[in-house]
Amino acid sequence: MNLSVLIDYISRQLHTFVRTFSVGGDELASYCAIPEFTDRCYMTLPIADYIVRLQKEKQPLLFSIGEICYALVDSGQAVYLIGPVLFDAPVALYLCEKELSDDIAPLTWLQSLSRTNFEHFIKEILFFHNLFADETCDKRSLLRSNLAQRPVNQAIQKKYTKILFENQENATRHNPYDQELREQGSIERGDIEALSKSMEEDYAGDLGTLSKDPVRNMKDLAIVLVTLASRSAIRGGLSPEVSFSLSDSYIQQIEEINDISNLIYFAKEMEYHYASLVHDIRSRQSGIKKDKKNPHIEKCKDYIFSHLHDRITVDTLATELGYHPDYLSHLFKESEGIGLSQYIIREKITRARNLLTYSDYTYSEIASYLGFASQSHFGKHFKNITGYTPRQYRDSFGVVKE
């Protein structure tokens, strides 16, 4: 193995030093591919102590001084110290020295350090380690040994034991699981009436406690409900990309609501919305036999949703999915009960309706954004599908007026 090339690669990838030590802790070499880069923390590190710990754990050792992070890797013949690095978001490591003092790491020096993503950092550290290791170290093992939350299992068991004991003492129960199944099953089927009945059920159980703060607790419960509803809707036929995007929107809005009553109402309306979307899909597909559906069609629909701002053609879709255009059109019509070109236009008009209702984009901008040849071309298709001109639709339903 050409160690010099490997060390140069790691230094360039992480923009930092790679130092080589003997297994006894003596420094043998130091390399950095970045000109004039300095390490003001190095002399404060208890390297010998860390090397002893590293040799016991048999996998990379991460440690930090304040925000500055290093990694130690044992090759069997030598030990390599990689760092310093700064992460683009705080990471709490199990081994963390005291905070940095201004004389060791002045602000000007900290600002000179390149920031990297923690995921990228551990990927390179694992790559370096596994080139030498007899047994491969995976990401989970590395994180379990090095993150500050190492004893998470004991912490969870302690909380679980306490909650279980208190619930039994107070005769407290969670909501019945079968009620949840009925509620989510209603969304999956697009059965709005059944959903309404399941919401009206009376039961002795309580909602879970996810936070000690009542408002934060209800927000967290609402987020859980959005997650469940979005997955139920996907199983019911809603495009995953549509469902996930809508889920993101709902969760962001949940964070803006700060009273429990409105959070409860909002969560229920969210479930009705998902159920109605599935209901609309199933209504359009009511004459299609289930055994004729092709799973590849979902990929086609997701592609259309993600490229509504482009000029999508059947040929483009066929190339993307690896089908002949005529065959893809046949499969789509058989599965969805609508021609592929018609479906594309319908989805573009659905997006246009949202933009006309909730944005102040002009009609020409909307036509351009959605890949129509002209504003008149857009207006023609819009009226054919909705019965309104774009202006009439905005005047009737628009929240934001031009």
Protein backbone atom coordinates (compact mmCIF):
# COMPACT_ATOMS: atom_id res chain seq x y z
CA MET A 1 0.00 0.00 0.00
CA ASN A 2 1.26 3.48 -0.87
CA LEU A 3 0.81 5.21 2.50
CA SER A 4 1.95 8.60 1.30
CA VAL A 5 -0.81 8.69 -1.34
CA LEU A 6 -3.41 7.58 1.21
CA ILE A 7 -2.33 10.19 3.76
CA ASP A 8 -2.34 12.90 1.10
CA TYR A 9 -5.86 11.85 0.06
CA ILE A 10 -7.23 12.01 3.63
CA SER A 11 -5.54 15.35 4.25
CA ARG A 12 -7.04 16.85 1.11
CA GLN A 13 -10.50 15.39 1.70
CA LEU A 14 -10.70 16.72 5.27
CA HIS A 15 -8.45 19.79 4.83
CA THR A 16 -6.34 18.95 7.85
CA PHE A 17 -3.25 17.26 9.30
CA VAL A 18 -2.48 13.55 9.33
CA ARG A 19 0.15 12.75 11.97
CA THR A 20 1.86 9.37 12.37
CA PHE A 21 2.77 7.90 15.76
CA SER A 22 4.40 4.71 16.95
CA VAL A 23 2.17 2.36 18.93
CA GLY A 24 4.10 3.63 21.97
CA GLY A 25 3.00 7.23 21.36
CA ASP A 26 6.11 8.77 19.76
CA GLU A 27 5.44 11.14 16.86
CA LEU A 28 7.07 9.89 13.66
CA ALA A 29 5.76 12.22 10.96
CA SER A 30 3.34 15.05 10.26
CA TYR A 31 1.72 15.91 6.95
CA CYS A 32 -0.78 18.50 5.73
CA ALA A 33 -1.59 19.13 2.08
CA ILE A 34 -2.93 22.61 2.88
CA PRO A 35 -0.19 25.27 2.68
CA GLU A 36 0.41 27.35 5.84
CA PHE A 37 -2.26 25.48 7.79
CA THR A 38 -1.57 25.40 11.55
CA ASP A 39 -2.86 23.35 14.47
CA ARG A 40 -2.87 25.34 17.70
CA CYS A 41 -4.54 22.57 19.76
CA TYR A 42 -2.18 19.69 19.04
CA MET A 43 0.28 20.30 21.88
CA THR A 44 -2.56 20.25 24.46
CA LEU A 45 -3.72 16.73 23.53
CA PRO A 46 -3.01 13.72 25.81
CA ILE A 47 -2.09 11.59 22.79
CA ALA A 48 -0.43 8.77 24.76
CA ASP A 49 -3.55 8.26 26.91
CA TYR A 50 -5.79 8.23 23.83
CA ILE A 51 -3.57 5.69 22.06
CA VAL A 52 -3.89 3.32 25.03
CA ARG A 53 -7.66 3.67 24.89
CA LEU A 54 -7.67 3.25 21.10
CA GLN A 55 -5.78 -0.05 21.28
CA LYS A 56 -8.37 -1.44 23.69
CA GLU A 57 -11.38 -0.47 21.58
CA LYS A 58 -10.02 -1.77 18.23
CA GLN A 59 -11.83 0.89 16.22
CA PRO A 60 -11.41 4.60 15.45
CA LEU A 61 -11.49 6.93 18.44
CA LEU A 62 -13.05 10.38 18.09
CA PHE A 63 -12.49 13.16 20.62
CA SER A 64 -12.90 16.91 20.79
CA ILE A 65 -11.64 20.02 22.49
CA GLY A 66 -14.56 22.39 22.49
CA GLU A 67 -15.74 22.40 18.86
CA ILE A 68 -12.45 21.04 17.46
CA CYS A 69 -12.51 17.34 16.60
CA TYR A 70 -9.82 14.71 15.98
CA ALA A 71 -9.76 11.02 15.09
CA LEU A 72 -7.24 8.34 16.00
CA VAL A 73 -6.83 5.29 13.76
CA ASP A 74 -4.67 2.25 14.58
CA SER A 75 -3.20 0.43 11.56
CA GLY A 76 -1.48 -2.20 13.70
CA GLN A 77 1.94 -0.86 12.72
CA ALA A 78 1.34 2.79 13.52
CA VAL A 79 -1.28 5.17 14.89
CA TYR A 80 -2.63 8.09 12.86
CA LEU A 81 -4.03 11.33 14.30
CA ILE A 82 -6.38 13.09 11.87
CA GLY A 83 -7.43 16.64 12.67
CA PRO A 84 -8.25 19.30 13.63
CA VAL A 85 -11.65 19.63 11.94
CA LEU A 86 -14.76 21.72 12.56
CA PHE A 87 -18.23 20.42 11.79
CA ASP A 88 -21.00 22.43 10.16
CA ALA A 89 -23.29 21.47 13.07
CA PRO A 90 -22.45 20.68 16.73
CA VAL A 91 -21.62 17.03 17.52
CA ALA A 92 -21.41 15.87 21.16
CA LEU A 93 -18.67 13.24 21.52
CA TYR A 94 -18.17 10.93 24.48
CA LEU A 95 -14.56 12.10 24.85
CA CYS A 96 -14.60 15.86 25.09
CA GLU A 97 -11.88 17.94 26.71
CA LYS A 98 -12.54 21.28 28.38
CA GLU A 99 -13.55 24.29 26.34
CA LEU A 100 -10.92 26.03 24.28
CA SER A 101 -9.28 29.12 25.75
CA ASP A 102 -8.63 32.18 23.61
CA ASP A 103 -4.87 31.85 23.98
CA ILE A 104 -4.94 28.27 22.59
CA ALA A 105 -7.52 28.87 19.86
CA PRO A 106 -8.13 32.53 19.09
CA LEU A 107 -11.13 33.44 17.00
CA THR A 108 -9.00 34.30 13.97
CA TRP A 109 -7.54 30.78 13.94
CA LEU A 110 -10.94 29.11 14.39
CA GLN A 111 -12.26 31.10 11.45
CA SER A 112 -9.39 29.81 9.32
CA LEU A 113 -10.46 26.17 9.79
CA SER A 114 -12.47 24.49 7.06
CA ARG A 115 -15.85 23.16 8.14
CA THR A 116 -16.95 19.70 7.07
CA ASN A 117 -20.01 17.53 7.39
CA PHE A 118 -19.85 14.96 10.22
CA GLU A 119 -21.16 12.22 7.94
CA HIS A 120 -18.41 12.95 5.42
CA PHE A 121 -15.80 12.95 8.20
CA ILE A 122 -16.72 9.54 9.61
CA LYS A 123 -17.00 8.09 6.10
CA GLU A 124 -13.37 9.01 5.43
CA ILE A 125 -12.25 7.82 8.87
CA LEU A 126 -13.93 4.44 8.36
CA PHE A 127 -12.38 4.15 4.91
CA PHE A 128 -8.92 4.83 6.38
CA HIS A 129 -9.44 2.40 9.28
CA ASN A 130 -10.90 -0.45 7.24
CA LEU A 131 -7.96 -0.51 4.85
CA PHE A 132 -5.88 -1.86 7.74
CA ALA A 133 -8.41 -3.67 9.93
CA ASP A 134 -8.86 -7.44 10.11
CA GLU A 135 -12.53 -6.89 10.95
CA THR A 136 -14.48 -4.15 9.22
CA CYS A 137 -15.84 -1.39 11.45
CA ASP A 138 -19.23 -0.07 10.39
CA LYS A 139 -20.86 3.28 10.97
CA ARG A 140 -23.13 2.04 13.74
CA SER A 141 -20.23 0.64 15.77
CA LEU A 142 -18.25 3.84 15.33
CA LEU A 143 -21.14 6.02 16.50
CA ARG A 144 -22.02 3.72 19.40
CA SER A 145 -18.47 3.95 20.72
CA ASN A 146 -17.89 7.66 20.18
CA LEU A 147 -21.07 9.71 20.51
CA ALA A 148 -22.00 11.17 23.87
CA GLN A 149 -25.24 9.17 23.94
CA ARG A 150 -23.45 5.82 24.22
CA PRO A 151 -25.45 4.55 27.24
CA VAL A 152 -28.74 5.21 25.43
CA ASN A 153 -30.08 1.71 26.12
CA GLN A 154 -29.76 2.14 29.88
CA ALA A 155 -31.35 5.59 29.71
CA ILE A 156 -34.30 4.30 27.66
CA GLN A 157 -34.79 1.30 29.95
CA LYS A 158 -34.76 3.60 32.98
CA LYS A 159 -37.39 5.90 31.48
CA TYR A 160 -39.46 2.96 30.27
CA THR A 161 -39.44 1.31 33.71
CA LYS A 162 -40.46 4.57 35.38
CA ILE A 163 -43.28 5.29 32.91
CA LEU A 164 -44.58 1.72 33.03
CA PHE A 165 -44.60 1.71 36.85
CA GLU A 166 -46.39 5.09 37.07
CA ASN A 167 -48.97 4.10 34.47
CA GLN A 168 -49.77 0.89 36.32
CA GLU A 169 -49.97 2.70 39.66
CA ASN A 170 -52.32 5.32 38.22
CA ALA A 171 -54.28 2.84 36.07
CA THR A 172 -53.27 4.91 33.01
CA ARG A 173 -53.56 3.37 29.56
CA HIS A 174 -52.66 4.53 26.08
CA ASN A 175 -55.26 4.78 23.34
CA PRO A 176 -56.24 1.34 22.02
CA TYR A 177 -54.17 0.19 19.05
CA ASP A 178 -57.20 -1.09 17.18
CA GLN A 179 -58.61 2.46 17.13
CA GLU A 180 -55.40 3.67 15.51
CA LEU A 181 -55.66 0.88 12.95
CA ARG A 182 -59.23 1.93 12.11
CA GLU A 183 -58.20 5.57 11.79
CA GLN A 184 -55.19 4.90 9.56
CA GLY A 185 -57.08 2.25 7.60
CA SER A 186 -59.75 4.83 6.78
CA ILE A 187 -57.09 7.15 5.36
CA GLU A 188 -55.54 4.30 3.37
CA ARG A 189 -58.94 3.49 1.83
CA GLY A 190 -59.88 7.14 1.35
CA ASP A 191 -62.99 6.46 3.44
CA ILE A 192 -63.84 9.86 4.90
CA GLU A 193 -67.01 8.66 6.62
CA ALA A 194 -65.18 5.83 8.41
CA LEU A 195 -62.42 8.26 9.40
CA SER A 196 -64.98 10.57 10.96
CA LYS A 197 -66.50 7.68 12.93
CA SER A 198 -63.11 6.50 14.18
CA MET A 199 -62.30 10.03 15.39
CA GLU A 200 -65.57 10.16 17.32
CA GLU A 201 -64.91 6.92 19.20
CA ASP A 202 -64.81 7.22 22.98
CA TYR A 203 -62.07 5.34 24.82
CA ALA A 204 -60.50 5.40 28.25
CA GLY A 205 -56.88 5.64 27.12
CA ASP A 206 -54.67 8.72 26.93
CA LEU A 207 -52.39 10.08 24.28
CA GLY A 208 -48.69 9.46 24.86
CA THR A 209 -46.45 11.92 26.69
CA LEU A 210 -43.57 12.96 24.44
CA SER A 211 -42.61 16.17 26.24
CA LYS A 212 -43.16 17.69 29.67
CA ASP A 213 -44.26 20.93 28.06
CA PRO A 214 -47.97 20.55 27.10
CA VAL A 215 -47.78 22.55 23.85
CA ARG A 216 -44.55 20.87 22.76
CA ASN A 217 -46.12 17.52 23.62
CA MET A 218 -49.12 18.20 21.41
CA LYS A 219 -46.86 19.40 18.58
CA ASP A 220 -44.87 16.19 18.77
CA LEU A 221 -48.04 14.08 18.80
CA ALA A 222 -49.34 15.99 15.79
CA ILE A 223 -46.06 15.36 13.95
CA VAL A 224 -46.37 11.64 14.71
CA LEU A 225 -49.91 11.72 13.35
CA VAL A 226 -48.77 13.45 10.15
CA THR A 227 -46.11 10.77 9.70
CA LEU A 228 -48.62 7.95 10.12
CA ALA A 229 -51.21 9.59 7.87
CA SER A 230 -48.72 10.30 5.10
CA ARG A 231 -47.63 6.65 5.03
CA SER A 232 -51.23 5.43 5.11
CA ALA A 233 -52.02 7.68 2.14
CA ILE A 234 -49.05 6.28 0.20
CA ARG A 235 -50.31 2.77 0.80
CA GLY A 236 -53.67 4.01 -0.46
CA GLY A 237 -52.19 5.16 -3.77
CA LEU A 238 -50.98 8.73 -3.16
CA SER A 239 -47.65 9.44 -4.80
CA PRO A 240 -44.83 9.19 -2.20
CA GLU A 241 -43.32 12.48 -3.39
CA VAL A 242 -46.67 14.24 -3.05
CA SER A 243 -47.28 12.70 0.36
CA PHE A 244 -43.83 13.52 1.72
CA SER A 245 -43.93 17.10 0.42
CA LEU A 246 -47.35 17.61 1.98
CA SER A 247 -46.05 16.08 5.23
CA ASP A 248 -43.17 18.56 5.29
CA SER A 249 -45.65 21.41 4.81
CA TYR A 250 -47.89 20.22 7.64
CA ILE A 251 -45.00 19.72 10.06
CA GLN A 252 -43.61 23.17 9.33
CA GLN A 253 -47.05 24.65 10.00
CA ILE A 254 -47.41 22.66 13.22
CA GLU A 255 -44.28 24.38 14.51
CA GLU A 256 -46.01 27.74 13.97
CA ILE A 257 -49.07 26.88 16.10
CA ASN A 258 -48.75 27.52 19.81
CA ASP A 259 -52.05 26.52 21.42
CA ILE A 260 -53.31 23.02 22.05
CA SER A 261 -56.86 23.45 20.73
CA ASN A 262 -55.66 24.68 17.35
CA LEU A 263 -53.09 21.89 17.19
CA ILE A 264 -55.77 19.25 17.77
CA TYR A 265 -58.05 20.78 15.14
CA PHE A 266 -55.19 21.15 12.67
CA ALA A 267 -54.13 17.51 13.10
CA LYS A 268 -57.66 16.25 12.46
CA GLU A 269 -58.05 18.39 9.36
CA MET A 270 -54.71 17.05 8.15
CA GLU A 271 -56.05 13.49 8.36
CA TYR A 272 -59.19 14.47 6.45
CA HIS A 273 -57.02 16.07 3.77
CA TYR A 274 -54.96 12.92 3.27
CA ALA A 275 -58.09 10.78 3.22
CA SER A 276 -59.72 13.04 0.62
CA LEU A 277 -56.65 12.85 -1.62
CA VAL A 278 -56.76 9.05 -1.51
CA HIS A 279 -60.53 9.16 -2.07
CA ASP A 280 -60.05 11.25 -5.23
CA ILE A 281 -57.43 8.84 -6.56
CA ARG A 282 -59.60 5.80 -5.89
CA SER A 283 -62.63 7.47 -7.44
CA ARG A 284 -60.68 8.06 -10.64
CA GLN A 285 -59.50 4.45 -10.62
CA SER A 286 -62.80 2.87 -9.61
CA GLY A 287 -63.14 0.93 -12.87
CA ILE A 288 -59.60 -0.43 -12.87
CA LYS A 289 -58.88 -3.92 -11.65
CA LYS A 290 -56.28 -4.03 -8.92
CA ASP A 291 -54.35 -6.89 -10.51
CA LYS A 292 -53.68 -4.75 -13.58
CA LYS A 293 -51.69 -2.13 -11.68
CA ASN A 294 -47.98 -1.94 -12.45
CA PRO A 295 -45.62 -0.88 -9.63
CA HIS A 296 -43.37 0.93 -12.12
CA ILE A 297 -46.17 3.40 -12.75
CA GLU A 298 -45.53 4.92 -9.31
CA LYS A 299 -42.01 5.80 -10.45
CA CYS A 300 -43.53 7.43 -13.49
CA LYS A 301 -45.91 9.50 -11.36
CA ASP A 302 -43.15 10.53 -8.98
CA TYR A 303 -41.01 11.66 -11.92
CA ILE A 304 -43.89 13.74 -13.26
CA PHE A 305 -44.51 15.33 -9.86
CA SER A 306 -40.81 16.21 -9.47
CA HIS A 307 -40.56 17.70 -12.98
CA LEU A 308 -43.80 19.63 -13.30
CA HIS A 309 -41.78 22.78 -14.00
CA ASP A 310 -40.26 21.11 -17.06
CA ARG A 311 -41.70 20.27 -20.45
CA ILE A 312 -42.40 16.59 -19.88
CA THR A 313 -42.97 14.34 -22.88
CA VAL A 314 -43.87 10.67 -23.13
CA ASP A 315 -40.52 10.08 -24.85
CA THR A 316 -38.68 11.71 -21.94
CA LEU A 317 -40.52 9.55 -19.42
CA ALA A 318 -39.96 6.39 -21.45
CA THR A 319 -36.22 7.07 -21.65
CA GLU A 320 -36.07 7.79 -17.92
CA LEU A 321 -37.87 4.56 -17.01
CA GLY A 322 -36.39 2.35 -19.70
CA TYR A 323 -39.62 1.62 -21.59
CA HIS A 324 -40.73 2.03 -25.18
CA PRO A 325 -43.02 5.13 -25.34
CA ASP A 326 -45.99 3.17 -26.75
CA TYR A 327 -45.63 0.44 -24.11
CA LEU A 328 -45.35 2.97 -21.28
CA SER A 329 -48.46 4.78 -22.52
CA HIS A 330 -50.34 1.48 -22.64
CA LEU A 331 -49.25 0.52 -19.12
CA PHE A 332 -50.18 3.93 -17.72
CA LYS A 333 -53.63 3.98 -19.31
CA GLU A 334 -54.28 0.45 -18.07
CA SER A 335 -53.18 1.31 -14.52
CA GLU A 336 -54.59 4.82 -14.08
CA GLY A 337 -57.52 4.93 -16.46
CA ILE A 338 -56.18 8.09 -18.10
CA GLY A 339 -53.74 8.75 -20.92
CA LEU A 340 -50.21 9.66 -19.92
CA SER A 341 -50.26 13.03 -21.70
CA GLN A 342 -53.63 13.83 -20.12
CA TYR A 343 -52.26 12.93 -16.69
CA ILE A 344 -49.28 15.25 -17.15
CA ILE A 345 -51.55 18.15 -18.10
CA ARG A 346 -53.92 17.41 -15.23
CA GLU A 347 -51.06 17.44 -12.70
CA LYS A 348 -49.70 20.70 -14.13
CA ILE A 349 -53.15 22.29 -13.83
CA THR A 350 -53.44 21.04 -10.24
CA ARG A 351 -50.15 22.78 -9.47
CA ALA A 352 -51.38 25.87 -11.31
CA ARG A 353 -54.51 25.98 -9.17
CA ASN A 354 -52.36 26.02 -6.04
CA LEU A 355 -50.19 28.80 -7.43
CA LEU A 356 -53.22 30.86 -8.44
CA THR A 357 -54.74 30.41 -4.99
CA TYR A 358 -51.72 30.85 -2.73
CA SER A 359 -49.13 32.86 -4.66
CA ASP A 360 -48.89 36.19 -6.43
CA TYR A 361 -47.11 34.88 -9.52
CA THR A 362 -48.50 36.34 -12.74
CA TYR A 363 -50.35 34.19 -15.24
CA SER A 364 -47.44 34.33 -17.67
CA GLU A 365 -45.00 33.35 -14.92
CA ILE A 366 -47.13 30.36 -13.95
CA ALA A 367 -47.42 29.30 -17.59
CA SER A 368 -43.65 29.53 -17.96
CA TYR A 369 -42.86 27.78 -14.67
CA LEU A 370 -45.07 24.83 -15.62
CA GLY A 371 -43.55 24.40 -19.05
CA PHE A 372 -46.47 25.56 -21.19
CA ALA A 373 -45.60 26.91 -24.65
CA SER A 374 -47.43 30.18 -23.97
CA GLN A 375 -49.88 31.87 -21.62
CA SER A 376 -52.72 31.20 -24.06
CA HIS A 377 -51.74 27.52 -24.26
CA PHE A 378 -51.83 27.38 -20.45
CA GLY A 379 -55.19 29.20 -20.32
CA LYS A 380 -56.77 26.82 -22.83
CA HIS A 381 -55.84 23.71 -20.86
CA PHE A 382 -56.76 25.36 -17.55
CA LYS A 383 -60.28 26.20 -18.71
CA ASN A 384 -60.81 22.77 -20.28
CA ILE A 385 -60.09 21.10 -16.93
CA THR A 386 -61.46 23.58 -14.37
CA GLY A 387 -64.14 25.45 -16.31
CA TYR A 388 -62.48 28.75 -15.30
CA THR A 389 -59.97 31.01 -16.94
CA PRO A 390 -56.89 31.54 -14.73
CA ARG A 391 -58.10 35.07 -13.91
CA GLN A 392 -61.60 33.87 -13.00
CA TYR A 393 -60.11 31.15 -10.78
CA ARG A 394 -57.82 33.57 -8.92
CA ASP A 395 -60.63 36.10 -8.49
CA SER A 396 -62.88 33.39 -7.02
CA PHE A 397 -60.45 31.39 -4.86
CA GLY A 398 -57.21 33.36 -4.58
CA VAL A 399 -55.90 34.14 -1.12
CA VAL A 400 -53.19 36.44 -2.49
CA LYS A 401 -54.45 39.01 -4.97
CA GLU A 402 -52.35 40.54 -7.73
